[in-house]
PDB file of all heavy atoms in Angstrom:
ATOM      1  N   LYS A   1      -7.123   9.636   2.392  1.00  0.00           N
ATOM      2  CA  LYS A   1      -8.470   9.410   3.004  1.00  0.00           C
ATOM      3  C   LYS A   1      -9.604   9.673   2.059  1.00  0.00           C
ATOM      4  O   LYS A   1     -10.713   9.138   2.272  1.00  0.00           O
ATOM      5  CB  LYS A   1      -8.572  10.285   4.278  1.00  0.00           C
ATOM      6  CG  LYS A   1      -8.543  11.775   4.017  1.00  0.00           C
ATOM      7  CD  LYS A   1      -8.653  12.557   5.300  1.00  0.00           C
ATOM      8  CE  LYS A   1      -8.582  14.065   5.073  1.00  0.00           C
ATOM      9  NZ  LYS A   1      -9.711  14.538   4.265  1.00  0.00           N
ATOM     10  N   ASP A   2      -9.396  10.495   1.042  1.00  0.00           N
ATOM     11  CA  ASP A   2     -10.477  10.815   0.104  1.00  0.00           C
ATOM     12  C   ASP A   2     -10.449   9.996  -1.184  1.00  0.00           C
ATOM     13  O   ASP A   2     -11.221  10.240  -2.101  1.00  0.00           O
ATOM     14  CB  ASP A   2     -10.411  12.308  -0.247  1.00  0.00           C
ATOM     15  CG  ASP A   2     -10.665  13.208   0.956  1.00  0.00           C
ATOM     16  OD1 ASP A   2     -11.508  12.844   1.818  1.00  0.00           O
ATOM     17  OD2 ASP A   2     -10.024  14.277   1.057  1.00  0.00           O
ATOM     18  N   SER A   3      -9.556   9.032  -1.260  1.00  0.00           N
ATOM     19  CA  SER A   3      -9.457   8.208  -2.478  1.00  0.00           C
ATOM     20  C   SER A   3     -10.606   7.227  -2.567  1.00  0.00           C
ATOM     21  O   SER A   3     -11.128   6.767  -1.537  1.00  0.00           O
ATOM     22  CB  SER A   3      -8.110   7.454  -2.495  1.00  0.00           C
ATOM     23  OG  SER A   3      -7.024   8.332  -2.753  1.00  0.00           O
ATOM     24  N   GLN A   4     -10.966   6.914  -3.812  1.00  0.00           N
ATOM     25  CA  GLN A   4     -12.001   5.903  -4.058  1.00  0.00           C
ATOM     26  C   GLN A   4     -11.337   4.764  -4.844  1.00  0.00           C
ATOM     27  O   GLN A   4     -10.976   4.973  -5.994  1.00  0.00           O
ATOM     28  CB  GLN A   4     -13.140   6.503  -4.883  1.00  0.00           C
ATOM     29  CG  GLN A   4     -13.829   7.686  -4.182  1.00  0.00           C
ATOM     30  CD  GLN A   4     -14.836   8.340  -5.106  1.00  0.00           C
ATOM     31  OE1 GLN A   4     -15.600   7.669  -5.808  1.00  0.00           O
ATOM     32  NE2 GLN A   4     -14.873   9.649  -5.105  1.00  0.00           N
ATOM     33  N   VAL A   5     -11.185   3.645  -4.213  1.00  0.00           N
ATOM     34  CA  VAL A   5     -10.374   2.576  -4.770  1.00  0.00           C
ATOM     35  C   VAL A   5     -11.208   1.298  -4.867  1.00  0.00           C
ATOM     36  O   VAL A   5     -11.763   0.825  -3.909  1.00  0.00           O
ATOM     37  CB  VAL A   5      -9.108   2.287  -3.939  1.00  0.00           C
ATOM     38  CG1 VAL A   5      -8.294   1.186  -4.532  1.00  0.00           C
ATOM     39  CG2 VAL A   5      -8.284   3.582  -3.781  1.00  0.00           C
ATOM     40  N   GLU A   6     -11.197   0.737  -6.103  1.00  0.00           N
ATOM     41  CA  GLU A   6     -11.875  -0.546  -6.345  1.00  0.00           C
ATOM     42  C   GLU A   6     -10.958  -1.462  -7.086  1.00  0.00           C
ATOM     43  O   GLU A   6     -10.716  -1.256  -8.261  1.00  0.00           O
ATOM     44  CB  GLU A   6     -13.147  -0.329  -7.157  1.00  0.00           C
ATOM     45  CG  GLU A   6     -14.291   0.335  -6.406  1.00  0.00           C
ATOM     46  CD  GLU A   6     -15.560   0.399  -7.272  1.00  0.00           C
ATOM     47  OE1 GLU A   6     -15.714  -0.513  -8.104  1.00  0.00           O
ATOM     48  OE2 GLU A   6     -16.305   1.366  -7.130  1.00  0.00           O
ATOM     49  N   TYR A   7     -10.390  -2.440  -6.418  1.00  0.00           N
ATOM     50  CA  TYR A   7      -9.692  -3.487  -7.130  1.00  0.00           C
ATOM     51  C   TYR A   7      -9.610  -4.700  -6.265  1.00  0.00           C
ATOM     52  O   TYR A   7      -9.915  -4.626  -5.048  1.00  0.00           O
ATOM     53  CB  TYR A   7      -8.304  -3.062  -7.642  1.00  0.00           C
ATOM     54  CG  TYR A   7      -7.352  -2.470  -6.681  1.00  0.00           C
ATOM     55  CD1 TYR A   7      -6.693  -3.264  -5.722  1.00  0.00           C
ATOM     56  CD2 TYR A   7      -7.021  -1.119  -6.713  1.00  0.00           C
ATOM     57  CE1 TYR A   7      -5.783  -2.742  -4.857  1.00  0.00           C
ATOM     58  CE2 TYR A   7      -6.099  -0.610  -5.815  1.00  0.00           C
ATOM     59  CZ  TYR A   7      -5.480  -1.416  -4.883  1.00  0.00           C
ATOM     60  OH  TYR A   7      -4.585  -0.882  -4.009  1.00  0.00           O
ATOM     61  N   PRO A   8      -9.231  -5.874  -6.796  1.00  0.00           N
ATOM     62  CA  PRO A   8      -9.300  -7.134  -6.056  1.00  0.00           C
ATOM     63  C   PRO A   8      -8.568  -7.153  -4.742  1.00  0.00           C
ATOM     64  O   PRO A   8      -7.541  -6.475  -4.583  1.00  0.00           O
ATOM     65  CB  PRO A   8      -8.727  -8.152  -7.053  1.00  0.00           C
ATOM     66  CG  PRO A   8      -8.931  -7.538  -8.370  1.00  0.00           C
ATOM     67  CD  PRO A   8      -8.723  -6.058  -8.177  1.00  0.00           C
ATOM     68  N   PRO A   9      -9.076  -7.936  -3.761  1.00  0.00           N
ATOM     69  CA  PRO A   9      -8.439  -8.012  -2.429  1.00  0.00           C
ATOM     70  C   PRO A   9      -6.966  -8.369  -2.522  1.00  0.00           C
ATOM     71  O   PRO A   9      -6.162  -7.842  -1.737  1.00  0.00           O
ATOM     72  CB  PRO A   9      -9.247  -9.104  -1.761  1.00  0.00           C
ATOM     73  CG  PRO A   9     -10.562  -9.079  -2.405  1.00  0.00           C
ATOM     74  CD  PRO A   9     -10.308  -8.723  -3.798  1.00  0.00           C
ATOM     75  N   LEU A  10      -6.570  -9.246  -3.445  1.00  0.00           N
ATOM     76  CA  LEU A  10      -5.173  -9.644  -3.564  1.00  0.00           C
ATOM     77  C   LEU A  10      -4.324  -8.441  -3.904  1.00  0.00           C
ATOM     78  O   LEU A  10      -3.228  -8.288  -3.363  1.00  0.00           O
ATOM     79  CB  LEU A  10      -4.986 -10.749  -4.595  1.00  0.00           C
ATOM     80  CG  LEU A  10      -3.560 -11.232  -4.814  1.00  0.00           C
ATOM     81  CD1 LEU A  10      -2.971 -11.788  -3.523  1.00  0.00           C
ATOM     82  CD2 LEU A  10      -3.496 -12.297  -5.910  1.00  0.00           C
ATOM     83  N   ARG A  11      -4.810  -7.592  -4.796  1.00  0.00           N
ATOM     84  CA  ARG A  11      -4.067  -6.388  -5.157  1.00  0.00           C
ATOM     85  C   ARG A  11      -3.911  -5.446  -3.951  1.00  0.00           C
ATOM     86  O   ARG A  11      -2.882  -4.827  -3.763  1.00  0.00           O
ATOM     87  CB  ARG A  11      -4.757  -5.647  -6.298  1.00  0.00           C
ATOM     88  CG  ARG A  11      -4.515  -6.227  -7.713  1.00  0.00           C
ATOM     89  CD  ARG A  11      -3.175  -5.818  -8.292  1.00  0.00           C
ATOM     90  NE  ARG A  11      -3.137  -4.377  -8.496  1.00  0.00           N
ATOM     91  CZ  ARG A  11      -3.433  -3.800  -9.662  1.00  0.00           C
ATOM     92  NH1 ARG A  11      -3.912  -4.523 -10.656  1.00  0.00           N
ATOM     93  NH2 ARG A  11      -3.345  -2.484  -9.806  1.00  0.00           N
ATOM     94  N   LYS A  12      -4.964  -5.344  -3.149  1.00  0.00           N
ATOM     95  CA  LYS A  12      -4.902  -4.478  -1.977  1.00  0.00           C
ATOM     96  C   LYS A  12      -3.863  -4.998  -0.960  1.00  0.00           C
ATOM     97  O   LYS A  12      -3.082  -4.255  -0.383  1.00  0.00           O
ATOM     98  CB  LYS A  12      -6.271  -4.452  -1.307  1.00  0.00           C
ATOM     99  CG  LYS A  12      -7.318  -3.676  -2.092  1.00  0.00           C
ATOM    100  CD  LYS A  12      -8.613  -3.606  -1.335  1.00  0.00           C
ATOM    101  CE  LYS A  12      -9.667  -2.833  -2.130  1.00  0.00           C
ATOM    102  NZ  LYS A  12     -10.959  -2.738  -1.395  1.00  0.00           N
ATOM    103  N   ILE A  13      -3.843  -6.333  -0.792  1.00  0.00           N
ATOM    104  CA  ILE A  13      -2.884  -6.931   0.148  1.00  0.00           C
ATOM    105  C   ILE A  13      -1.470  -6.713  -0.372  1.00  0.00           C
ATOM    106  O   ILE A  13      -0.564  -6.356   0.401  1.00  0.00           O
ATOM    107  CB  ILE A  13      -3.159  -8.441   0.305  1.00  0.00           C
ATOM    108  CG1 ILE A  13      -4.515  -8.620   1.014  1.00  0.00           C
ATOM    109  CG2 ILE A  13      -2.053  -9.121   1.091  1.00  0.00           C
ATOM    110  CD1 ILE A  13      -4.990 -10.082   0.995  1.00  0.00           C
ATOM    111  N   MET A  14      -1.243  -6.902  -1.670  1.00  0.00           N
ATOM    112  CA  MET A  14       0.064  -6.697  -2.267  1.00  0.00           C
ATOM    113  C   MET A  14       0.528  -5.278  -2.135  1.00  0.00           C
ATOM    114  O   MET A  14       1.670  -4.980  -1.764  1.00  0.00           O
ATOM    115  CB  MET A  14       0.045  -7.106  -3.736  1.00  0.00           C
ATOM    116  CG  MET A  14      -0.112  -8.606  -3.961  1.00  0.00           C
ATOM    117  SD  MET A  14      -0.517  -9.010  -5.673  1.00  0.00           S
ATOM    118  CE  MET A  14       0.809  -8.281  -6.584  1.00  0.00           C
ATOM    119  N   SER A  15      -0.383  -4.331  -2.374  1.00  0.00           N
ATOM    120  CA  SER A  15      -0.047  -2.908  -2.271  1.00  0.00           C
ATOM    121  C   SER A  15       0.287  -2.515  -0.832  1.00  0.00           C
ATOM    122  O   SER A  15       1.258  -1.796  -0.598  1.00  0.00           O
ATOM    123  CB  SER A  15      -1.237  -2.054  -2.758  1.00  0.00           C
ATOM    124  OG  SER A  15      -1.449  -2.246  -4.122  1.00  0.00           O
ATOM    125  N   MET A  16      -0.476  -3.028   0.142  1.00  0.00           N
ATOM    126  CA  MET A  16      -0.211  -2.698   1.502  1.00  0.00           C
ATOM    127  C   MET A  16       1.121  -3.283   1.986  1.00  0.00           C
ATOM    128  O   MET A  16       1.899  -2.615   2.683  1.00  0.00           O
ATOM    129  CB  MET A  16      -1.368  -3.203   2.398  1.00  0.00           C
ATOM    130  CG  MET A  16      -1.148  -2.928   3.890  1.00  0.00           C
ATOM    131  SD  MET A  16      -0.966  -1.172   4.272  1.00  0.00           S
ATOM    132  CE  MET A  16      -2.664  -0.583   3.954  1.00  0.00           C
ATOM    133  N   GLY A  17       1.373  -4.530   1.570  1.00  0.00           N
ATOM    134  CA  GLY A  17       2.630  -5.144   1.954  1.00  0.00           C
ATOM    135  C   GLY A  17       3.841  -4.390   1.385  1.00  0.00           C
ATOM    136  O   GLY A  17       4.843  -4.192   2.110  1.00  0.00           O
ATOM    137  N   TYR A  18       3.755  -3.985   0.136  1.00  0.00           N
ATOM    138  CA  TYR A  18       4.858  -3.256  -0.488  1.00  0.00           C
ATOM    139  C   TYR A  18       5.022  -1.879   0.160  1.00  0.00           C
ATOM    140  O   TYR A  18       6.126  -1.389   0.331  1.00  0.00           O
ATOM    141  CB  TYR A  18       4.633  -3.147  -1.963  1.00  0.00           C
ATOM    142  CG  TYR A  18       5.846  -2.691  -2.764  1.00  0.00           C
ATOM    143  CD1 TYR A  18       7.076  -3.369  -2.650  1.00  0.00           C
ATOM    144  CD2 TYR A  18       5.825  -1.562  -3.574  1.00  0.00           C
ATOM    145  CE1 TYR A  18       8.172  -2.961  -3.342  1.00  0.00           C
ATOM    146  CE2 TYR A  18       6.939  -1.144  -4.292  1.00  0.00           C
ATOM    147  CZ  TYR A  18       8.098  -1.848  -4.168  1.00  0.00           C
ATOM    148  OH  TYR A  18       9.218  -1.418  -4.857  1.00  0.00           O
ATOM    149  N   TYR A  19       3.880  -1.239   0.527  1.00  0.00           N
ATOM    150  CA  TYR A  19       3.923   0.041   1.214  1.00  0.00           C
ATOM    151  C   TYR A  19       4.716  -0.083   2.541  1.00  0.00           C
ATOM    152  O   TYR A  19       5.571   0.749   2.826  1.00  0.00           O
ATOM    153  CB  TYR A  19       2.523   0.567   1.461  1.00  0.00           C
ATOM    154  CG  TYR A  19       2.457   1.555   2.616  1.00  0.00           C
ATOM    155  CD1 TYR A  19       2.998   2.813   2.530  1.00  0.00           C
ATOM    156  CD2 TYR A  19       1.848   1.197   3.801  1.00  0.00           C
ATOM    157  CE1 TYR A  19       2.921   3.713   3.594  1.00  0.00           C
ATOM    158  CE2 TYR A  19       1.766   2.042   4.885  1.00  0.00           C
ATOM    159  CZ  TYR A  19       2.321   3.308   4.780  1.00  0.00           C
ATOM    160  OH  TYR A  19       2.267   4.163   5.827  1.00  0.00           O
ATOM    161  N   VAL A  20       4.370  -1.078   3.315  1.00  0.00           N
ATOM    162  CA  VAL A  20       5.045  -1.276   4.615  1.00  0.00           C
ATOM    163  C   VAL A  20       6.544  -1.509   4.413  1.00  0.00           C
ATOM    164  O   VAL A  20       7.387  -0.937   5.098  1.00  0.00           O
ATOM    165  CB  VAL A  20       4.412  -2.431   5.394  1.00  0.00           C
ATOM    166  CG1 VAL A  20       5.232  -2.763   6.631  1.00  0.00           C
ATOM    167  CG2 VAL A  20       2.968  -2.117   5.765  1.00  0.00           C
ATOM    168  N   PHE A  21       6.839  -2.337   3.404  1.00  0.00           N
ATOM    169  CA  PHE A  21       8.242  -2.613   3.109  1.00  0.00           C
ATOM    170  C   PHE A  21       9.018  -1.374   2.746  1.00  0.00           C
ATOM    171  O   PHE A  21      10.105  -1.109   3.254  1.00  0.00           O
ATOM    172  CB  PHE A  21       8.288  -3.634   1.936  1.00  0.00           C
ATOM    173  CG  PHE A  21       9.652  -3.834   1.323  1.00  0.00           C
ATOM    174  CD1 PHE A  21      10.671  -4.465   2.009  1.00  0.00           C
ATOM    175  CD2 PHE A  21       9.905  -3.309   0.042  1.00  0.00           C
ATOM    176  CE1 PHE A  21      11.936  -4.633   1.415  1.00  0.00           C
ATOM    177  CE2 PHE A  21      11.160  -3.509  -0.525  1.00  0.00           C
ATOM    178  CZ  PHE A  21      12.163  -4.158   0.174  1.00  0.00           C
ATOM    179  N   LEU A  22       8.453  -0.541   1.834  1.00  0.00           N
ATOM    180  CA  LEU A  22       9.124   0.685   1.438  1.00  0.00           C
ATOM    181  C   LEU A  22       9.228   1.711   2.576  1.00  0.00           C
ATOM    182  O   LEU A  22      10.221   2.420   2.675  1.00  0.00           O
ATOM    183  CB  LEU A  22       8.386   1.334   0.245  1.00  0.00           C
ATOM    184  CG  LEU A  22       8.427   0.563  -1.047  1.00  0.00           C
ATOM    185  CD1 LEU A  22       7.644   1.270  -2.138  1.00  0.00           C
ATOM    186  CD2 LEU A  22       9.845   0.349  -1.553  1.00  0.00           C
ATOM    187  N   LYS A  23       8.205   1.746   3.400  1.00  0.00           N
ATOM    188  CA  LYS A  23       8.222   2.642   4.561  1.00  0.00           C
ATOM    189  C   LYS A  23       9.391   2.318   5.468  1.00  0.00           C
ATOM    190  O   LYS A  23      10.127   3.227   5.967  1.00  0.00           O
ATOM    191  CB  LYS A  23       6.897   2.553   5.319  1.00  0.00           C
ATOM    192  CG  LYS A  23       6.722   3.586   6.392  1.00  0.00           C
ATOM    193  CD  LYS A  23       6.352   4.913   5.825  1.00  0.00           C
ATOM    194  CE  LYS A  23       5.998   5.924   6.912  1.00  0.00           C
ATOM    195  NZ  LYS A  23       5.709   7.269   6.308  1.00  0.00           N
ATOM    196  N   LEU A  24       9.558   1.059   5.723  1.00  0.00           N
ATOM    197  CA  LEU A  24      10.654   0.596   6.596  1.00  0.00           C
ATOM    198  C   LEU A  24      12.022   0.849   5.933  1.00  0.00           C
ATOM    199  O   LEU A  24      12.990   1.224   6.594  1.00  0.00           O
ATOM    200  CB  LEU A  24      10.520  -0.861   6.957  1.00  0.00           C
ATOM    201  CG  LEU A  24       9.299  -1.220   7.827  1.00  0.00           C
ATOM    202  CD1 LEU A  24       9.159  -2.745   7.920  1.00  0.00           C
ATOM    203  CD2 LEU A  24       9.479  -0.624   9.228  1.00  0.00           C
ATOM    204  N   LEU A  25      12.092   0.636   4.630  1.00  0.00           N
ATOM    205  CA  LEU A  25      13.384   0.726   3.925  1.00  0.00           C
ATOM    206  C   LEU A  25      13.822   2.156   3.694  1.00  0.00           C
ATOM    207  O   LEU A  25      14.975   2.495   3.920  1.00  0.00           O
ATOM    208  CB  LEU A  25      13.273  -0.017   2.585  1.00  0.00           C
ATOM    209  CG  LEU A  25      14.574  -0.192   1.781  1.00  0.00           C
ATOM    210  CD1 LEU A  25      15.584  -1.029   2.584  1.00  0.00           C
ATOM    211  CD2 LEU A  25      14.271  -0.844   0.434  1.00  0.00           C
ATOM    212  N   PHE A  26      12.877   3.042   3.274  1.00  0.00           N
ATOM    213  CA  PHE A  26      13.271   4.371   2.879  1.00  0.00           C
ATOM    214  C   PHE A  26      12.844   5.444   3.905  1.00  0.00           C
ATOM    215  O   PHE A  26      13.455   6.521   3.910  1.00  0.00           O
ATOM    216  CB  PHE A  26      12.623   4.742   1.513  1.00  0.00           C
ATOM    217  CG  PHE A  26      13.205   3.990   0.364  1.00  0.00           C
ATOM    218  CD1 PHE A  26      12.668   2.783  -0.037  1.00  0.00           C
ATOM    219  CD2 PHE A  26      14.340   4.486  -0.304  1.00  0.00           C
ATOM    220  CE1 PHE A  26      13.213   2.105  -1.109  1.00  0.00           C
ATOM    221  CE2 PHE A  26      14.869   3.811  -1.395  1.00  0.00           C
ATOM    222  CZ  PHE A  26      14.328   2.593  -1.801  1.00  0.00           C
ATOM    223  N   GLY A  27      11.850   5.181   4.675  1.00  0.00           N
ATOM    224  CA  GLY A  27      11.457   6.139   5.721  1.00  0.00           C
ATOM    225  C   GLY A  27      10.844   7.411   5.145  1.00  0.00           C
ATOM    226  O   GLY A  27      10.810   8.439   5.865  1.00  0.00           O
ATOM    227  N   LEU A  28      10.327   7.385   3.926  1.00  0.00           N
ATOM    228  CA  LEU A  28       9.692   8.584   3.368  1.00  0.00           C
ATOM    229  C   LEU A  28       8.382   8.853   4.072  1.00  0.00           C
ATOM    230  O   LEU A  28       7.656   7.950   4.420  1.00  0.00           O
ATOM    231  CB  LEU A  28       9.427   8.375   1.852  1.00  0.00           C
ATOM    232  CG  LEU A  28      10.666   8.189   0.961  1.00  0.00           C
ATOM    233  CD1 LEU A  28      10.231   7.981  -0.497  1.00  0.00           C
ATOM    234  CD2 LEU A  28      11.599   9.402   1.048  1.00  0.00           C
ATOM    235  N   LYS A  29       8.054  10.137   4.177  1.00  0.00           N
ATOM    236  CA  LYS A  29       6.802  10.516   4.853  1.00  0.00           C
ATOM    237  C   LYS A  29       5.656  10.547   3.806  1.00  0.00           C
ATOM    238  O   LYS A  29       4.995  11.534   3.638  1.00  0.00           O
ATOM    239  CB  LYS A  29       6.995  11.883   5.486  1.00  0.00           C
ATOM    240  CG  LYS A  29       8.025  11.886   6.613  1.00  0.00           C
ATOM    241  CD  LYS A  29       8.191  13.274   7.210  1.00  0.00           C
ATOM    242  CE  LYS A  29       9.231  13.271   8.312  1.00  0.00           C
ATOM    243  NZ  LYS A  29       9.437  14.621   8.883  1.00  0.00           N
TER     244      LYS A  29
END
């Protein structure tokens, strides 16, 4: 919540998609 992130929208979409994928696959908190 306290991070300051600036990079292109495509990178944000890619990061979020991979996060969801890893969350479902590994279940790490």
